[in-house]
Amino acid sequence: MFQILDLINELKKEKRIFIQTHNFPDHDAVASAYGLSKILLEFGIKTYIIYKGEIQRDSLIKMIESLNININKYEEFDIRDQEKIIVVDGCTGNSNVEELDGDEILVIDHHDVNKPENVKYVDIRSSYGACSTIIYTYYKQIGKNIPKDVATALIIGLNVDTAQLTRGVSEEDVNAFHSLYLEANIPLVNSILRNNIKIKDLNFYKFLLNNIKFDSTVAFCYFEDGCNQNLLGILGDFVLSLDEIDFVILCAKNNGVINFSIRNEKSKLSAADIIKDALKGIGFGGGHTDMAGGIIKDITKLNEEKIYNLFIDKIEKILSED
């Protein structure tokens, strides 16, 4: 198993380290980067948290501002070839992780991904519900108490990615939740978790309700005029809460690409496998059994009906194998 102290000993001689989240970071990505940066700072290692895209959710902005998390777009830095980069909550080679100049020394991820080549340290734990839980285990490894602000960020990331311990939860996630709960600013945690949409978001709910398609227990909706990736996930969870629905496919045209958000609670299906198969040859996808995401970069290859049928055919084929 990866040992954080091995990395720390190697990085002590470096002037600055970059911690890179996946593109359009969510609560778990930012929390993980923040927790890791605080660990490294304990050993005198200076880090910079960077990302590509936008910080889209108001609740995430509130978390960043409340905890004074210093996070910046990667374009603000001149990253040199030999400077070390750590990728968190994403994996080198995936479509949602920007390839940057610099030497990627570590990948930390909890998604079902292939181990990247030419990266010295890799810590991929696909059974974990959140990357924040992995960072929690590093504090256990080094025997350090988790600061209140870090515990607050990590428990928010853990709750968001596991839908408050209802999705893809491992025993270690539960252990992390218990320990973090005792140390975190719980009123702030609750405020961020409860207040995750704004009045302006209701227009997307209205569009969803007016345009959603149902095929047995599968739901599908295409937002032709756009819907940001993080809100797609929230809407997907909303649709999955319908008693009759156990698989949700939402997609939106955003800035010249098509983003996908998949939710699943049917034991015979894997959201990650289905989106990989459905988008094969026209895009990329991956994630977990319970939730997954994907992208089509060439929107000329998207036909709403064709994409809908691709997913339905994949699902029906699997279910018919009983």
Protein backbone atom coordinates (compact mmCIF):
# COMPACT_ATOMS: atom_id res chain seq x y z
CA MET A 1 0.00 0.00 0.00
CA PHE A 2 1.12 3.54 -0.76
CA GLN A 3 2.80 5.24 2.21
CA ILE A 4 2.44 9.02 2.41
CA LEU A 5 5.75 9.35 4.28
CA ASP A 6 7.63 7.98 1.26
CA LEU A 7 6.25 10.83 -0.82
CA ILE A 8 6.91 13.39 1.91
CA ASN A 9 10.58 12.40 2.14
CA GLU A 10 10.95 12.78 -1.62
CA LEU A 11 9.21 16.14 -1.81
CA LYS A 12 11.06 17.91 1.01
CA LYS A 13 13.72 19.17 -1.39
CA GLU A 14 11.19 20.68 -3.82
CA LYS A 15 10.48 24.43 -3.82
CA ARG A 16 6.79 24.12 -4.74
CA ILE A 17 4.33 21.33 -5.41
CA PHE A 18 1.10 21.53 -7.43
CA ILE A 19 -1.98 19.59 -6.33
CA GLN A 20 -4.28 19.27 -9.33
CA THR A 21 -7.97 18.39 -9.07
CA HIS A 22 -10.01 17.00 -11.92
CA ASN A 23 -11.52 19.56 -14.28
CA PHE A 24 -14.55 21.46 -12.95
CA PRO A 25 -13.80 20.26 -9.40
CA ASP A 26 -16.48 19.22 -6.94
CA HIS A 27 -16.55 19.23 -3.14
CA ASP A 28 -14.65 15.93 -2.81
CA ALA A 29 -11.87 17.02 -5.18
CA VAL A 30 -11.34 20.36 -3.45
CA ALA A 31 -11.55 18.85 0.04
CA SER A 32 -9.04 16.14 -0.87
CA ALA A 33 -6.60 18.65 -2.35
CA TYR A 34 -6.97 20.88 0.71
CA GLY A 35 -6.46 18.04 3.17
CA LEU A 36 -3.37 16.83 1.33
CA SER A 37 -1.93 20.35 1.15
CA LYS A 38 -2.29 20.67 4.92
CA ILE A 39 -0.50 17.36 5.49
CA LEU A 40 2.42 18.41 3.30
CA LEU A 41 2.58 21.80 5.01
CA GLU A 42 3.08 20.01 8.34
CA PHE A 43 6.42 18.88 6.90
CA GLY A 44 7.35 22.26 5.47
CA ILE A 45 6.29 21.45 1.91
CA LYS A 46 4.66 24.37 0.05
CA THR A 47 1.80 23.45 -2.28
CA TYR A 48 -0.55 25.18 -4.71
CA ILE A 49 -4.02 23.76 -5.47
CA ILE A 50 -4.90 24.14 -9.16
CA TYR A 51 -7.71 23.19 -11.51
CA LYS A 52 -9.06 23.65 -15.02
CA GLY A 53 -12.57 24.89 -15.76
CA GLU A 54 -14.85 26.57 -13.24
CA ILE A 55 -15.96 26.25 -9.63
CA GLN A 56 -19.64 25.89 -10.48
CA ARG A 57 -21.64 25.13 -7.36
CA ASP A 58 -22.58 27.86 -4.91
CA SER A 59 -22.27 25.43 -2.00
CA LEU A 60 -18.70 24.61 -3.05
CA ILE A 61 -17.86 28.31 -3.29
CA LYS A 62 -19.25 28.71 0.23
CA MET A 63 -17.04 25.85 1.46
CA ILE A 64 -13.95 27.37 -0.16
CA GLU A 65 -14.65 30.84 1.24
CA SER A 66 -15.64 29.64 4.73
CA LEU A 67 -12.50 27.53 5.11
CA ASN A 68 -10.17 29.97 3.31
CA ILE A 69 -9.08 27.34 0.81
CA ASN A 70 -6.54 28.79 -1.62
CA ILE A 71 -7.34 27.31 -5.03
CA ASN A 72 -6.50 28.81 -8.42
CA LYS A 73 -6.76 28.06 -12.12
CA TYR A 74 -3.66 26.37 -13.46
CA GLU A 75 -3.20 29.11 -16.07
CA GLU A 76 -2.11 31.47 -13.28
CA PHE A 77 1.15 29.54 -12.90
CA ASP A 78 4.12 28.89 -15.14
CA ILE A 79 4.57 25.20 -14.36
CA ARG A 80 7.99 23.96 -15.41
CA ASP A 81 8.72 20.46 -16.70
CA GLN A 82 10.52 19.24 -13.57
CA GLU A 83 8.04 20.61 -11.03
CA LYS A 84 6.02 17.94 -9.25
CA ILE A 85 2.28 17.52 -9.76
CA ILE A 86 -0.09 15.42 -7.63
CA VAL A 87 -3.47 14.58 -9.17
CA VAL A 88 -6.36 14.07 -6.73
CA ASP A 89 -9.86 12.66 -7.36
CA GLY A 90 -8.94 11.97 -10.97
CA CYS A 91 -6.46 9.99 -12.99
CA THR A 92 -3.84 10.87 -15.55
CA GLY A 93 -5.04 10.01 -19.05
CA ASN A 94 -8.74 10.52 -18.32
CA SER A 95 -10.70 13.12 -20.26
CA ASN A 96 -11.53 15.10 -17.10
CA VAL A 97 -7.89 15.64 -16.09
CA GLU A 98 -5.95 18.27 -18.02
CA GLU A 99 -2.50 17.22 -19.19
CA LEU A 100 -0.12 19.83 -17.75
CA ASP A 101 3.58 20.50 -18.06
CA GLY A 102 5.37 19.15 -15.04
CA ASP A 103 6.28 15.79 -13.52
CA GLU A 104 3.26 13.88 -12.22
CA ILE A 105 4.57 12.07 -9.19
CA LEU A 106 1.36 10.81 -7.56
CA VAL A 107 -2.22 9.97 -8.53
CA ILE A 108 -4.84 9.66 -5.77
CA ASP A 109 -8.23 8.45 -6.95
CA HIS A 110 -11.26 6.43 -5.88
CA HIS A 111 -12.74 5.82 -9.34
CA ASP A 112 -12.55 2.57 -11.29
CA VAL A 113 -9.65 3.53 -13.58
CA ASN A 114 -6.59 1.90 -15.10
CA LYS A 115 -3.32 2.44 -13.25
CA PRO A 116 -1.42 5.16 -15.12
CA GLU A 117 1.99 4.43 -16.54
CA ASN A 118 5.07 6.54 -15.81
CA VAL A 119 3.73 7.85 -12.50
CA LYS A 120 5.97 6.91 -9.57
CA TYR A 121 3.31 6.74 -6.88
CA VAL A 122 -0.29 5.60 -7.42
CA ASP A 123 -3.01 5.26 -4.78
CA ILE A 124 -6.25 4.13 -6.41
CA ARG A 125 -8.93 2.72 -4.10
CA SER A 126 -12.01 2.14 -6.22
CA SER A 127 -13.93 0.56 -3.34
CA TYR A 128 -13.92 3.87 -1.45
CA GLY A 129 -16.90 6.18 -1.79
CA ALA A 130 -14.84 9.36 -1.68
CA CYS A 131 -11.30 10.55 -2.25
CA SER A 132 -11.65 12.48 1.01
CA THR A 133 -11.57 9.15 2.83
CA ILE A 134 -8.18 8.35 1.31
CA ILE A 135 -6.80 11.64 2.61
CA TYR A 136 -8.26 10.80 6.04
CA THR A 137 -6.22 7.56 6.05
CA TYR A 138 -3.03 9.56 5.43
CA TYR A 139 -3.59 11.41 8.69
CA LYS A 140 -3.89 8.02 10.39
CA GLN A 141 -0.62 6.90 8.75
CA ILE A 142 1.38 9.87 10.01
CA GLY A 143 -0.27 9.92 13.43
CA LYS A 144 -1.37 13.57 13.21
CA ASN A 145 -4.60 15.04 14.53
CA ILE A 146 -6.89 16.34 11.81
CA PRO A 147 -7.37 20.13 12.09
CA LYS A 148 -10.95 21.35 12.42
CA ASP A 149 -11.00 23.06 9.02
CA VAL A 150 -9.61 19.99 7.27
CA ALA A 151 -12.07 17.67 9.04
CA THR A 152 -14.89 20.00 7.96
CA ALA A 153 -13.81 19.95 4.31
CA LEU A 154 -13.26 16.18 4.24
CA ILE A 155 -16.61 15.28 5.79
CA ILE A 156 -18.35 17.57 3.27
CA GLY A 157 -16.52 15.86 0.40
CA LEU A 158 -17.35 12.45 1.82
CA ASN A 159 -21.04 13.28 2.25
CA VAL A 160 -21.44 14.78 -1.21
CA ASP A 161 -19.74 11.94 -3.09
CA THR A 162 -21.58 9.20 -1.18
CA ALA A 163 -24.94 11.02 -1.17
CA GLN A 164 -24.70 11.20 2.63
CA LEU A 165 -23.51 7.62 3.07
CA THR A 166 -26.15 6.06 0.80
CA ARG A 167 -24.00 5.36 -2.27
CA GLY A 168 -20.85 3.29 -2.80
CA VAL A 169 -19.88 3.32 0.88
CA SER A 170 -17.00 1.21 2.22
CA GLU A 171 -16.21 0.38 5.83
CA GLU A 172 -13.37 2.92 5.74
CA ASP A 173 -15.80 5.64 4.61
CA VAL A 174 -17.93 4.95 7.68
CA ASN A 175 -14.86 5.01 9.95
CA ALA A 176 -13.78 8.30 8.38
CA PHE A 177 -17.24 9.80 8.85
CA HIS A 178 -17.26 8.92 12.52
CA SER A 179 -13.80 10.36 13.21
CA LEU A 180 -14.32 13.48 11.10
CA TYR A 181 -17.71 14.18 12.66
CA LEU A 182 -16.08 14.48 16.07
CA GLU A 183 -13.61 17.10 14.81
CA ALA A 184 -15.55 19.08 12.17
CA ASN A 185 -17.58 22.28 12.31
CA ILE A 186 -20.89 20.47 12.00
CA PRO A 187 -23.15 23.57 11.75
CA LEU A 188 -21.11 24.68 8.71
CA VAL A 189 -21.19 21.14 7.28
CA ASN A 190 -24.96 20.96 7.62
CA SER A 191 -25.44 24.41 6.12
CA ILE A 192 -23.40 23.52 3.02
CA LEU A 193 -25.02 20.11 2.55
CA ARG A 194 -28.59 21.40 2.97
CA ASN A 195 -28.27 24.54 0.84
CA ASN A 196 -26.94 23.13 -2.41
CA ILE A 197 -29.26 24.81 -4.96
CA LYS A 198 -30.55 28.32 -5.60
CA ILE A 199 -33.80 29.74 -6.93
CA LYS A 200 -32.24 30.14 -10.39
CA ASP A 201 -31.62 26.37 -10.50
CA LEU A 202 -35.36 25.72 -10.41
CA ASN A 203 -35.51 26.49 -14.14
CA PHE A 204 -33.44 23.36 -14.75
CA TYR A 205 -35.80 21.32 -12.58
CA LYS A 206 -38.71 22.72 -14.61
CA PHE A 207 -37.01 21.78 -17.89
CA LEU A 208 -36.25 18.31 -16.52
CA LEU A 209 -39.84 17.68 -15.49
CA ASN A 210 -41.15 18.86 -18.86
CA ASN A 211 -38.69 16.91 -21.02
CA ILE A 212 -37.72 13.73 -19.21
CA LYS A 213 -38.22 10.40 -20.99
CA PHE A 214 -38.99 7.13 -19.25
CA ASP A 215 -38.36 3.59 -20.46
CA SER A 216 -39.48 1.15 -17.79
CA THR A 217 -37.18 1.97 -14.82
CA VAL A 218 -34.77 4.13 -16.87
CA ALA A 219 -34.97 7.95 -17.10
CA PHE A 220 -33.28 10.17 -19.71
CA CYS A 221 -33.09 13.92 -20.31
CA TYR A 222 -30.98 16.05 -22.65
CA PHE A 223 -30.38 19.72 -21.80
CA GLU A 224 -29.77 21.19 -25.23
CA ASP A 225 -29.27 24.70 -23.85
CA GLY A 226 -26.77 23.55 -21.24
CA CYS A 227 -26.58 22.60 -17.58
CA ASN A 228 -23.35 22.58 -15.59
CA GLN A 229 -21.83 19.26 -14.63
CA ASN A 230 -22.30 19.55 -10.89
CA LEU A 231 -25.97 20.49 -11.21
CA LEU A 232 -26.45 17.54 -13.57
CA GLY A 233 -25.37 15.28 -10.71
CA ILE A 234 -27.81 16.90 -8.29
CA LEU A 235 -30.62 16.53 -10.83
CA GLY A 236 -29.63 12.91 -11.38
CA ASP A 237 -29.95 12.19 -7.67
CA PHE A 238 -33.35 13.91 -7.69
CA VAL A 239 -34.63 11.69 -10.50
CA LEU A 240 -33.20 8.57 -8.86
CA SER A 241 -35.26 9.36 -5.77
CA LEU A 242 -38.38 8.43 -7.77
CA ASP A 243 -39.53 5.04 -6.53
CA GLU A 244 -40.05 3.65 -10.05
CA ILE A 245 -36.62 4.71 -11.40
CA ASP A 246 -33.32 2.92 -10.83
CA PHE A 247 -31.14 4.20 -13.71
CA VAL A 248 -30.77 7.85 -14.77
CA ILE A 249 -29.04 9.30 -17.84
CA LEU A 250 -28.71 13.09 -18.00
CA CYS A 251 -26.68 14.98 -20.58
CA ALA A 252 -26.14 18.62 -21.51
CA LYS A 253 -24.47 20.67 -24.23
CA ASN A 254 -21.88 22.84 -22.46
CA ASN A 255 -19.27 25.01 -24.18
CA GLY A 256 -19.12 22.93 -27.33
CA VAL A 257 -19.08 19.50 -25.66
CA ILE A 258 -21.69 17.11 -24.29
CA ASN A 259 -21.42 16.21 -20.59
CA PHE A 260 -23.09 13.13 -19.09
CA SER A 261 -24.13 12.30 -15.55
CA ILE A 262 -25.30 8.77 -14.76
CA ARG A 263 -26.95 7.43 -11.59
CA ASN A 264 -27.72 3.79 -10.87
CA GLU A 265 -29.18 1.69 -8.07
CA LYS A 266 -29.85 -1.55 -9.96
CA SER A 267 -27.54 -4.33 -8.74
CA LYS A 268 -27.14 -5.97 -12.15
CA LEU A 269 -25.93 -2.75 -13.77
CA SER A 270 -22.74 -0.70 -13.53
CA ALA A 271 -23.03 2.98 -14.42
CA ALA A 272 -19.32 3.09 -15.28
CA ASP A 273 -19.43 0.06 -17.60
CA ILE A 274 -22.58 1.21 -19.39
CA ILE A 275 -21.33 4.71 -20.14
CA LYS A 276 -17.98 3.38 -21.33
CA ASP A 277 -19.75 1.01 -23.73
CA ALA A 278 -22.38 3.53 -24.84
CA LEU A 279 -19.82 6.23 -25.67
CA LYS A 280 -17.20 3.93 -27.17
CA GLY A 281 -15.91 5.48 -30.37
CA ILE A 282 -17.69 8.79 -29.86
CA GLY A 283 -16.58 9.87 -26.39
CA PHE A 284 -15.25 8.81 -23.00
CA GLY A 285 -16.80 7.79 -19.71
CA GLY A 286 -16.08 6.22 -16.35
CA GLY A 287 -16.78 6.30 -12.63
CA HIS A 288 -18.40 3.87 -10.23
CA THR A 289 -21.13 1.25 -10.19
CA ASP A 290 -23.54 3.76 -8.64
CA MET A 291 -22.57 6.91 -10.52
CA ALA A 292 -20.54 7.85 -13.54
CA GLY A 293 -19.79 10.69 -15.90
CA GLY A 294 -18.69 11.13 -19.47
CA ILE A 295 -18.07 13.50 -22.33
CA ILE A 296 -18.45 13.77 -26.09
CA LYS A 297 -16.10 16.44 -27.42
CA ASP A 298 -17.40 16.43 -30.99
CA ILE A 299 -21.02 17.54 -30.72
CA THR A 300 -21.63 16.73 -34.39
CA LYS A 301 -21.57 13.10 -33.29
CA LEU A 302 -24.49 13.61 -30.92
CA ASN A 303 -28.02 12.80 -31.89
CA GLU A 304 -30.31 12.85 -28.87
CA GLU A 305 -32.38 9.88 -30.04
CA LYS A 306 -29.29 7.89 -31.00
CA ILE A 307 -27.64 8.41 -27.62
CA TYR A 308 -30.86 7.54 -25.82
CA ASN A 309 -31.17 4.30 -27.78
CA LEU A 310 -27.50 3.43 -27.23
CA PHE A 311 -27.99 3.48 -23.46
CA ILE A 312 -31.34 1.69 -23.56
CA ASP A 313 -29.93 -1.06 -25.78
CA LYS A 314 -26.94 -1.60 -23.47
CA ILE A 315 -29.17 -1.77 -20.39
CA GLU A 316 -31.75 -4.07 -21.96
CA LYS A 317 -29.04 -6.43 -23.23
CA ILE A 318 -27.57 -6.83 -19.75
CA LEU A 319 -30.93 -7.29 -18.05
CA SER A 320 -32.03 -9.84 -20.64
CA GLU A 321 -29.12 -12.11 -19.71
CA ASP A 322 -31.01 -13.39 -16.64
